[in-house]
Amino acid sequence: MHAFSSSRSLIRDISQSHGFAGRLYEYRLQKQWKALVGEVVASHTWPARIKFRKLHVAVDNSVWLHQLMYLKTTLLEKIQARMEDLHLEDIIFWIGEIPESREDDADVHADQVPISPDARMTALEYTRSVNDEELRDSLTRVIAKALSPAPHSK
């Protein structure tokens, strides 16, 4: 077995056993959103979460929500073509708030959640065997964020 495939299976096993898989897919979608749906659609939408194999997308107004209903099948096909292991069944559009400072880099949002030192150390342990430095850093941030306690809402 190659080192890369063993790292890949390690990450898959860890993400499934600790419930990170959905969060990792959300992170990947957010990072690639503009490339997946195009700049115009991305400026009015945001992939907020994945729940029960359904992608929940926030849309900034009812006109765009209506238009996206016609594009749902096309968008779903584009996402599945680029992320074959995601296995989405549907896209749910809803009028919601689009993050202002969202670049297609979800790292901007990842920094807003405080990460505990214990979560960071655990995440580093999980990703230690990943050879690709950029992938290792991204996975470490996502896992540490998922392990950190959620901030209290005001």
N, C-alpha and C. Protein backbone atom coordinates (compact mmCIF):
# COMPACT_ATOMS: atom_id res chain seq x y z
N MET A 1 0.85 -1.18 0.00
CA MET A 1 0.00 0.00 0.00
C MET A 1 0.89 1.24 0.00
N HIS A 2 0.56 2.22 -0.81
CA HIS A 2 1.33 3.45 -0.89
C HIS A 2 1.05 4.33 0.33
N ALA A 3 2.01 5.21 0.64
CA ALA A 3 1.85 6.10 1.80
C ALA A 3 0.64 7.00 1.62
N PHE A 4 0.40 7.45 0.39
CA PHE A 4 -0.73 8.35 0.16
C PHE A 4 -2.06 7.65 0.40
N SER A 5 -2.20 6.44 -0.10
CA SER A 5 -3.47 5.74 0.09
C SER A 5 -3.68 5.38 1.56
N SER A 6 -2.61 5.09 2.31
CA SER A 6 -2.80 4.80 3.72
C SER A 6 -3.18 6.07 4.48
N SER A 7 -2.62 7.20 4.10
CA SER A 7 -3.01 8.47 4.73
C SER A 7 -4.46 8.78 4.40
N ARG A 8 -4.83 8.53 3.17
CA ARG A 8 -6.21 8.80 2.74
C ARG A 8 -7.19 7.93 3.54
N SER A 9 -6.87 6.64 3.69
CA SER A 9 -7.78 5.77 4.43
C SER A 9 -7.79 6.14 5.91
N LEU A 10 -6.65 6.57 6.44
CA LEU A 10 -6.59 7.01 7.83
C LEU A 10 -7.51 8.21 8.05
N ILE A 11 -7.42 9.17 7.18
CA ILE A 11 -8.25 10.37 7.30
C ILE A 11 -9.72 10.01 7.14
N ARG A 12 -10.04 9.16 6.18
CA ARG A 12 -11.43 8.74 5.98
C ARG A 12 -11.96 8.05 7.23
N ASP A 13 -11.17 7.14 7.80
CA ASP A 13 -11.61 6.42 8.99
C ASP A 13 -11.79 7.35 10.18
N ILE A 14 -10.86 8.27 10.36
CA ILE A 14 -10.97 9.23 11.47
C ILE A 14 -12.18 10.14 11.27
N SER A 15 -12.35 10.63 10.06
CA SER A 15 -13.45 11.56 9.82
C SER A 15 -14.80 10.87 10.00
N GLN A 16 -14.91 9.61 9.61
CA GLN A 16 -16.17 8.89 9.78
C GLN A 16 -16.42 8.54 11.24
N SER A 17 -15.39 8.09 11.94
CA SER A 17 -15.59 7.66 13.32
C SER A 17 -15.84 8.83 14.26
N HIS A 18 -15.39 10.02 13.91
CA HIS A 18 -15.57 11.18 14.78
C HIS A 18 -16.60 12.17 14.22
N GLY A 19 -17.27 11.80 13.15
CA GLY A 19 -18.33 12.66 12.61
C GLY A 19 -17.83 13.88 11.87
N PHE A 20 -16.59 13.87 11.39
CA PHE A 20 -16.03 15.02 10.69
C PHE A 20 -16.35 15.03 9.20
N ALA A 21 -16.79 13.92 8.66
CA ALA A 21 -16.94 13.79 7.21
C ALA A 21 -17.82 14.90 6.64
N GLY A 22 -18.96 15.13 7.24
CA GLY A 22 -19.85 16.19 6.76
C GLY A 22 -19.21 17.55 6.81
N ARG A 23 -18.48 17.83 7.89
CA ARG A 23 -17.83 19.13 8.02
C ARG A 23 -16.71 19.30 7.00
N LEU A 24 -16.01 18.21 6.71
CA LEU A 24 -14.96 18.28 5.70
C LEU A 24 -15.55 18.57 4.32
N TYR A 25 -16.67 17.93 4.01
CA TYR A 25 -17.33 18.20 2.73
C TYR A 25 -17.82 19.64 2.68
N GLU A 26 -18.38 20.14 3.76
CA GLU A 26 -18.83 21.54 3.80
C GLU A 26 -17.65 22.47 3.54
N TYR A 27 -16.55 22.20 4.19
CA TYR A 27 -15.35 23.01 4.03
C TYR A 27 -14.87 23.00 2.57
N ARG A 28 -14.83 21.81 1.99
CA ARG A 28 -14.41 21.70 0.58
C ARG A 28 -15.36 22.46 -0.34
N LEU A 29 -16.66 22.33 -0.10
CA LEU A 29 -17.65 23.04 -0.92
C LEU A 29 -17.47 24.55 -0.80
N GLN A 30 -17.28 25.03 0.41
CA GLN A 30 -17.11 26.46 0.62
C GLN A 30 -15.85 26.98 -0.06
N LYS A 31 -14.79 26.21 -0.01
CA LYS A 31 -13.55 26.63 -0.67
C LYS A 31 -13.70 26.66 -2.20
N GLN A 32 -14.49 25.74 -2.75
CA GLN A 32 -14.61 25.62 -4.20
C GLN A 32 -15.90 26.21 -4.77
N TRP A 33 -16.70 26.85 -3.94
CA TRP A 33 -18.03 27.28 -4.34
C TRP A 33 -18.03 28.12 -5.62
N LYS A 34 -17.20 29.13 -5.69
CA LYS A 34 -17.18 30.01 -6.87
C LYS A 34 -16.81 29.23 -8.12
N ALA A 35 -15.85 28.33 -8.02
CA ALA A 35 -15.44 27.53 -9.17
C ALA A 35 -16.55 26.55 -9.59
N LEU A 36 -17.31 26.07 -8.62
CA LEU A 36 -18.37 25.10 -8.91
C LEU A 36 -19.59 25.74 -9.57
N VAL A 37 -20.03 26.87 -9.06
CA VAL A 37 -21.30 27.45 -9.52
C VAL A 37 -21.14 28.71 -10.37
N GLY A 38 -19.94 29.24 -10.44
CA GLY A 38 -19.71 30.47 -11.21
C GLY A 38 -19.79 31.69 -10.31
N GLU A 39 -19.13 32.74 -10.74
CA GLU A 39 -19.01 33.95 -9.92
C GLU A 39 -20.35 34.62 -9.64
N VAL A 40 -21.22 34.68 -10.64
CA VAL A 40 -22.50 35.37 -10.47
C VAL A 40 -23.38 34.65 -9.44
N VAL A 41 -23.55 33.34 -9.61
CA VAL A 41 -24.36 32.57 -8.66
C VAL A 41 -23.72 32.60 -7.28
N ALA A 42 -22.41 32.47 -7.22
CA ALA A 42 -21.70 32.47 -5.93
C ALA A 42 -21.88 33.80 -5.18
N SER A 43 -22.04 34.89 -5.91
CA SER A 43 -22.20 36.18 -5.24
C SER A 43 -23.56 36.32 -4.55
N HIS A 44 -24.51 35.43 -4.85
CA HIS A 44 -25.84 35.48 -4.25
C HIS A 44 -26.16 34.28 -3.37
N THR A 45 -25.20 33.36 -3.23
CA THR A 45 -25.46 32.10 -2.51
C THR A 45 -24.29 31.73 -1.62
N TRP A 46 -24.56 30.80 -0.70
CA TRP A 46 -23.49 30.25 0.13
C TRP A 46 -23.89 28.85 0.60
N PRO A 47 -23.01 27.86 0.42
CA PRO A 47 -23.31 26.49 0.87
C PRO A 47 -23.16 26.41 2.40
N ALA A 48 -24.26 26.52 3.09
CA ALA A 48 -24.23 26.64 4.54
C ALA A 48 -23.93 25.33 5.26
N ARG A 49 -24.56 24.24 4.83
CA ARG A 49 -24.35 22.97 5.53
C ARG A 49 -24.82 21.80 4.67
N ILE A 50 -24.38 20.63 5.09
CA ILE A 50 -24.85 19.38 4.49
C ILE A 50 -25.50 18.59 5.62
N LYS A 51 -26.73 18.18 5.38
CA LYS A 51 -27.46 17.41 6.39
C LYS A 51 -28.30 16.36 5.69
N PHE A 52 -28.13 15.12 6.08
CA PHE A 52 -28.86 14.00 5.50
C PHE A 52 -28.75 13.96 3.97
N ARG A 53 -27.52 14.12 3.49
CA ARG A 53 -27.21 14.08 2.05
C ARG A 53 -27.90 15.19 1.25
N LYS A 54 -28.26 16.25 1.92
CA LYS A 54 -28.86 17.40 1.25
C LYS A 54 -27.99 18.62 1.52
N LEU A 55 -27.66 19.32 0.46
CA LEU A 55 -26.89 20.55 0.57
C LEU A 55 -27.86 21.70 0.81
N HIS A 56 -27.67 22.41 1.90
CA HIS A 56 -28.51 23.56 2.24
C HIS A 56 -27.76 24.82 1.84
N VAL A 57 -28.35 25.57 0.91
CA VAL A 57 -27.70 26.74 0.35
C VAL A 57 -28.49 27.99 0.71
N ALA A 58 -27.82 28.93 1.35
CA ALA A 58 -28.43 30.22 1.66
C ALA A 58 -28.43 31.07 0.40
N VAL A 59 -29.54 31.74 0.15
CA VAL A 59 -29.71 32.60 -1.02
C VAL A 59 -30.11 33.98 -0.51
N ASP A 60 -29.57 35.02 -1.12
CA ASP A 60 -29.79 36.35 -0.56
C ASP A 60 -31.14 37.00 -0.85
N ASN A 61 -31.90 36.49 -1.83
CA ASN A 61 -33.23 37.08 -2.06
C ASN A 61 -34.13 36.10 -2.81
N SER A 62 -35.42 36.41 -2.83
CA SER A 62 -36.41 35.50 -3.40
C SER A 62 -36.30 35.37 -4.91
N VAL A 63 -35.84 36.40 -5.59
CA VAL A 63 -35.69 36.33 -7.04
C VAL A 63 -34.64 35.27 -7.39
N TRP A 64 -33.51 35.30 -6.70
CA TRP A 64 -32.47 34.31 -6.93
C TRP A 64 -32.92 32.92 -6.49
N LEU A 65 -33.65 32.84 -5.41
CA LEU A 65 -34.15 31.55 -4.96
C LEU A 65 -35.02 30.92 -6.05
N HIS A 66 -35.89 31.69 -6.62
CA HIS A 66 -36.77 31.20 -7.69
C HIS A 66 -35.94 30.74 -8.90
N GLN A 67 -34.97 31.54 -9.31
CA GLN A 67 -34.13 31.20 -10.46
C GLN A 67 -33.33 29.92 -10.20
N LEU A 68 -32.83 29.77 -8.97
CA LEU A 68 -32.01 28.60 -8.64
C LEU A 68 -32.81 27.30 -8.65
N MET A 69 -34.10 27.39 -8.44
CA MET A 69 -34.93 26.19 -8.51
C MET A 69 -34.84 25.56 -9.91
N TYR A 70 -34.73 26.40 -10.94
CA TYR A 70 -34.58 25.91 -12.32
C TYR A 70 -33.18 25.36 -12.58
N LEU A 71 -32.21 25.83 -11.82
CA LEU A 71 -30.83 25.41 -12.02
C LEU A 71 -30.40 24.27 -11.09
N LYS A 72 -31.30 23.82 -10.24
CA LYS A 72 -30.95 22.84 -9.20
C LYS A 72 -30.30 21.59 -9.78
N THR A 73 -30.89 21.00 -10.79
CA THR A 73 -30.36 19.76 -11.37
C THR A 73 -28.97 19.99 -11.95
N THR A 74 -28.79 21.09 -12.65
CA THR A 74 -27.48 21.41 -13.25
C THR A 74 -26.43 21.61 -12.16
N LEU A 75 -26.78 22.36 -11.11
CA LEU A 75 -25.83 22.59 -10.02
C LEU A 75 -25.47 21.29 -9.31
N LEU A 76 -26.45 20.46 -9.08
CA LEU A 76 -26.21 19.18 -8.42
C LEU A 76 -25.27 18.31 -9.26
N GLU A 77 -25.48 18.30 -10.57
CA GLU A 77 -24.61 17.53 -11.47
C GLU A 77 -23.19 18.07 -11.46
N LYS A 78 -23.03 19.40 -11.47
CA LYS A 78 -21.70 20.01 -11.42
C LYS A 78 -20.97 19.64 -10.14
N ILE A 79 -21.67 19.72 -9.03
CA ILE A 79 -21.06 19.41 -7.74
C ILE A 79 -20.66 17.94 -7.69
N GLN A 80 -21.55 17.06 -8.14
CA GLN A 80 -21.25 15.63 -8.13
C GLN A 80 -20.09 15.28 -9.06
N ALA A 81 -19.98 15.98 -10.17
CA ALA A 81 -18.89 15.71 -11.10
C ALA A 81 -17.54 16.08 -10.50
N ARG A 82 -17.48 17.15 -9.73
CA ARG A 82 -16.23 17.61 -9.13
C ARG A 82 -15.93 16.91 -7.80
N MET A 83 -16.99 16.46 -7.10
CA MET A 83 -16.83 15.86 -5.78
C MET A 83 -17.58 14.53 -5.75
N GLU A 84 -17.07 13.56 -6.49
CA GLU A 84 -17.77 12.29 -6.69
C GLU A 84 -18.07 11.54 -5.40
N ASP A 85 -17.25 11.71 -4.39
CA ASP A 85 -17.45 10.98 -3.14
C ASP A 85 -18.46 11.64 -2.20
N LEU A 86 -19.08 12.73 -2.61
CA LEU A 86 -20.01 13.46 -1.76
C LEU A 86 -21.40 12.82 -1.71
N HIS A 87 -21.91 12.32 -2.81
CA HIS A 87 -23.19 11.62 -2.87
C HIS A 87 -24.38 12.43 -2.34
N LEU A 88 -24.54 13.63 -2.86
CA LEU A 88 -25.70 14.45 -2.49
C LEU A 88 -26.95 13.94 -3.18
N GLU A 89 -28.08 14.05 -2.51
CA GLU A 89 -29.36 13.66 -3.10
C GLU A 89 -30.18 14.86 -3.55
N ASP A 90 -29.95 16.03 -2.92
CA ASP A 90 -30.79 17.19 -3.22
C ASP A 90 -30.08 18.46 -2.77
N ILE A 91 -30.58 19.58 -3.27
CA ILE A 91 -30.14 20.89 -2.81
C ILE A 91 -31.38 21.61 -2.28
N ILE A 92 -31.27 22.12 -1.08
CA ILE A 92 -32.35 22.88 -0.47
C ILE A 92 -31.92 24.35 -0.46
N PHE A 93 -32.68 25.19 -1.14
CA PHE A 93 -32.40 26.62 -1.15
C PHE A 93 -33.30 27.30 -0.13
N TRP A 94 -32.76 28.27 0.59
CA TRP A 94 -33.54 29.04 1.54
C TRP A 94 -32.99 30.45 1.60
N ILE A 95 -33.85 31.38 1.88
CA ILE A 95 -33.40 32.77 1.98
C ILE A 95 -32.71 32.93 3.33
N GLY A 96 -31.48 33.33 3.25
CA GLY A 96 -30.68 33.46 4.47
C GLY A 96 -29.58 34.48 4.27
N GLU A 97 -28.85 34.67 5.32
CA GLU A 97 -27.77 35.65 5.30
C GLU A 97 -26.53 35.04 4.65
N ILE A 98 -25.96 35.79 3.73
CA ILE A 98 -24.73 35.37 3.07
C ILE A 98 -23.58 36.03 3.83
N PRO A 99 -22.57 35.28 4.23
CA PRO A 99 -21.44 35.89 4.94
C PRO A 99 -20.82 37.00 4.10
N GLU A 100 -20.57 38.14 4.73
CA GLU A 100 -20.02 39.28 4.00
C GLU A 100 -18.59 39.06 3.55
N SER A 101 -17.76 38.60 4.44
CA SER A 101 -16.34 38.50 4.14
C SER A 101 -15.97 37.14 3.58
N ARG A 102 -16.94 36.48 2.95
CA ARG A 102 -16.65 35.15 2.43
C ARG A 102 -15.90 35.27 1.12
N GLU A 103 -14.69 34.85 1.17
CA GLU A 103 -13.99 34.64 -0.06
C GLU A 103 -14.18 33.16 -0.28
N ASP A 104 -13.80 32.64 -1.38
CA ASP A 104 -13.99 31.21 -1.55
C ASP A 104 -12.99 30.43 -0.72
N ASP A 105 -12.35 31.15 0.17
CA ASP A 105 -11.42 30.49 1.07
C ASP A 105 -12.07 30.42 2.44
N ALA A 106 -12.50 29.25 2.84
CA ALA A 106 -13.18 29.07 4.12
C ALA A 106 -12.25 29.30 5.29
N ASP A 107 -10.93 29.46 5.05
CA ASP A 107 -10.00 29.74 6.13
C ASP A 107 -10.36 31.05 6.83
N VAL A 108 -10.94 31.99 6.09
CA VAL A 108 -11.35 33.25 6.68
C VAL A 108 -12.32 32.99 7.81
N HIS A 109 -13.27 32.08 7.62
CA HIS A 109 -14.27 31.78 8.63
C HIS A 109 -13.72 30.87 9.70
N ALA A 110 -12.79 30.02 9.36
CA ALA A 110 -12.24 29.09 10.33
C ALA A 110 -11.54 29.84 11.45
N ASP A 111 -10.93 30.99 11.14
CA ASP A 111 -10.22 31.75 12.15
C ASP A 111 -11.17 32.42 13.14
N GLN A 112 -12.44 32.53 12.84
CA GLN A 112 -13.38 33.19 13.72
C GLN A 112 -13.81 32.29 14.88
N VAL A 113 -13.61 30.99 14.79
CA VAL A 113 -13.98 30.07 15.86
C VAL A 113 -12.73 29.81 16.69
N PRO A 114 -12.79 30.08 18.00
CA PRO A 114 -11.62 29.82 18.83
C PRO A 114 -11.33 28.33 18.92
N ILE A 115 -10.08 27.99 18.71
CA ILE A 115 -9.67 26.57 18.73
C ILE A 115 -8.90 26.32 20.02
N SER A 116 -9.35 25.32 20.76
CA SER A 116 -8.69 24.99 22.03
C SER A 116 -7.35 24.31 21.76
N PRO A 117 -6.39 24.50 22.66
CA PRO A 117 -5.08 23.86 22.49
C PRO A 117 -5.18 22.33 22.44
N ASP A 118 -6.09 21.75 23.24
CA ASP A 118 -6.27 20.29 23.23
C ASP A 118 -6.77 19.82 21.87
N ALA A 119 -7.73 20.56 21.30
CA ALA A 119 -8.27 20.19 19.99
C ALA A 119 -7.19 20.28 18.93
N ARG A 120 -6.36 21.30 19.01
CA ARG A 120 -5.28 21.47 18.03
C ARG A 120 -4.29 20.31 18.12
N MET A 121 -3.92 19.92 19.35
CA MET A 121 -2.98 18.81 19.52
C MET A 121 -3.57 17.50 19.01
N THR A 122 -4.84 17.26 19.29
CA THR A 122 -5.50 16.04 18.82
C THR A 122 -5.54 16.03 17.29
N ALA A 123 -5.88 17.17 16.70
CA ALA A 123 -5.94 17.27 15.24
C ALA A 123 -4.57 17.03 14.62
N LEU A 124 -3.53 17.56 15.24
CA LEU A 124 -2.17 17.34 14.74
C LEU A 124 -1.80 15.86 14.78
N GLU A 125 -2.23 15.17 15.82
CA GLU A 125 -1.99 13.73 15.92
C GLU A 125 -2.67 12.98 14.77
N TYR A 126 -3.92 13.36 14.49
CA TYR A 126 -4.68 12.70 13.42
C TYR A 126 -4.07 12.91 12.05
N THR A 127 -3.49 14.07 11.82
CA THR A 127 -3.02 14.41 10.47
C THR A 127 -1.50 14.28 10.30
N ARG A 128 -0.84 13.80 11.31
CA ARG A 128 0.62 13.71 11.28
C ARG A 128 1.15 12.94 10.07
N SER A 129 0.46 11.91 9.64
CA SER A 129 0.97 11.06 8.55
C SER A 129 0.66 11.58 7.15
N VAL A 130 -0.03 12.70 7.04
CA VAL A 130 -0.35 13.27 5.73
C VAL A 130 0.90 13.97 5.20
N ASN A 131 1.36 13.55 4.04
CA ASN A 131 2.60 14.09 3.49
C ASN A 131 2.45 15.47 2.87
N ASP A 132 1.35 15.73 2.23
CA ASP A 132 1.12 17.02 1.58
C ASP A 132 0.89 18.09 2.65
N GLU A 133 1.80 19.06 2.71
CA GLU A 133 1.76 20.07 3.78
C GLU A 133 0.48 20.90 3.74
N GLU A 134 0.07 21.33 2.56
CA GLU A 134 -1.14 22.15 2.45
C GLU A 134 -2.38 21.36 2.89
N LEU A 135 -2.47 20.12 2.44
CA LEU A 135 -3.60 19.27 2.84
C LEU A 135 -3.58 19.02 4.34
N ARG A 136 -2.39 18.72 4.88
CA ARG A 136 -2.26 18.47 6.31
C ARG A 136 -2.70 19.69 7.13
N ASP A 137 -2.28 20.89 6.73
CA ASP A 137 -2.66 22.11 7.44
C ASP A 137 -4.17 22.35 7.37
N SER A 138 -4.75 22.16 6.20
CA SER A 138 -6.20 22.35 6.04
C SER A 138 -6.98 21.36 6.88
N LEU A 139 -6.59 20.10 6.83
CA LEU A 139 -7.29 19.07 7.62
C LEU A 139 -7.12 19.32 9.11
N THR A 140 -5.95 19.74 9.52
CA THR A 140 -5.71 20.03 10.94
C THR A 140 -6.64 21.15 11.41
N ARG A 141 -6.78 22.22 10.60
CA ARG A 141 -7.67 23.33 10.98
C ARG A 141 -9.12 22.87 11.08
N VAL A 142 -9.57 22.10 10.10
CA VAL A 142 -10.97 21.64 10.09
C VAL A 142 -11.24 20.72 11.27
N ILE A 143 -10.35 19.76 11.52
CA ILE A 143 -10.55 18.82 12.62
C ILE A 143 -10.49 19.55 13.96
N ALA A 144 -9.54 20.45 14.13
CA ALA A 144 -9.42 21.20 15.38
C ALA A 144 -10.66 22.05 15.62
N LYS A 145 -11.17 22.66 14.57
CA LYS A 145 -12.39 23.47 14.69
C LYS A 145 -13.56 22.59 15.10
N ALA A 146 -13.67 21.41 14.50
CA ALA A 146 -14.77 20.49 14.82
C ALA A 146 -14.67 19.98 16.26
N LEU A 147 -13.47 19.82 16.77
CA LEU A 147 -13.27 19.32 18.13
C LEU A 147 -13.42 20.40 19.19
N SER A 148 -13.27 21.66 18.80
CA SER A 148 -13.34 22.76 19.76
C SER A 148 -14.78 23.00 20.17
N PRO A 149 -14.96 23.40 21.44
CA PRO A 149 -16.34 23.70 21.87
C PRO A 149 -16.90 24.88 21.09
N ALA A 150 -18.18 24.80 20.78
CA ALA A 150 -18.84 25.87 20.05
C ALA A 150 -18.91 27.13 20.91
N PRO A 151 -18.69 28.30 20.31
CA PRO A 151 -18.78 29.54 21.09
C PRO A 151 -20.22 29.75 21.56
N HIS A 152 -20.36 30.34 22.71
CA HIS A 152 -21.69 30.62 23.26
C HIS A 152 -22.36 31.70 22.46
N SER A 153 -23.63 31.49 22.13
CA SER A 153 -24.36 32.52 21.37
C SER A 153 -24.81 33.60 22.32
N LYS A 154 -24.84 34.82 21.80
CA LYS A 154 -25.20 35.98 22.63
C LYS A 154 -26.68 36.21 22.62
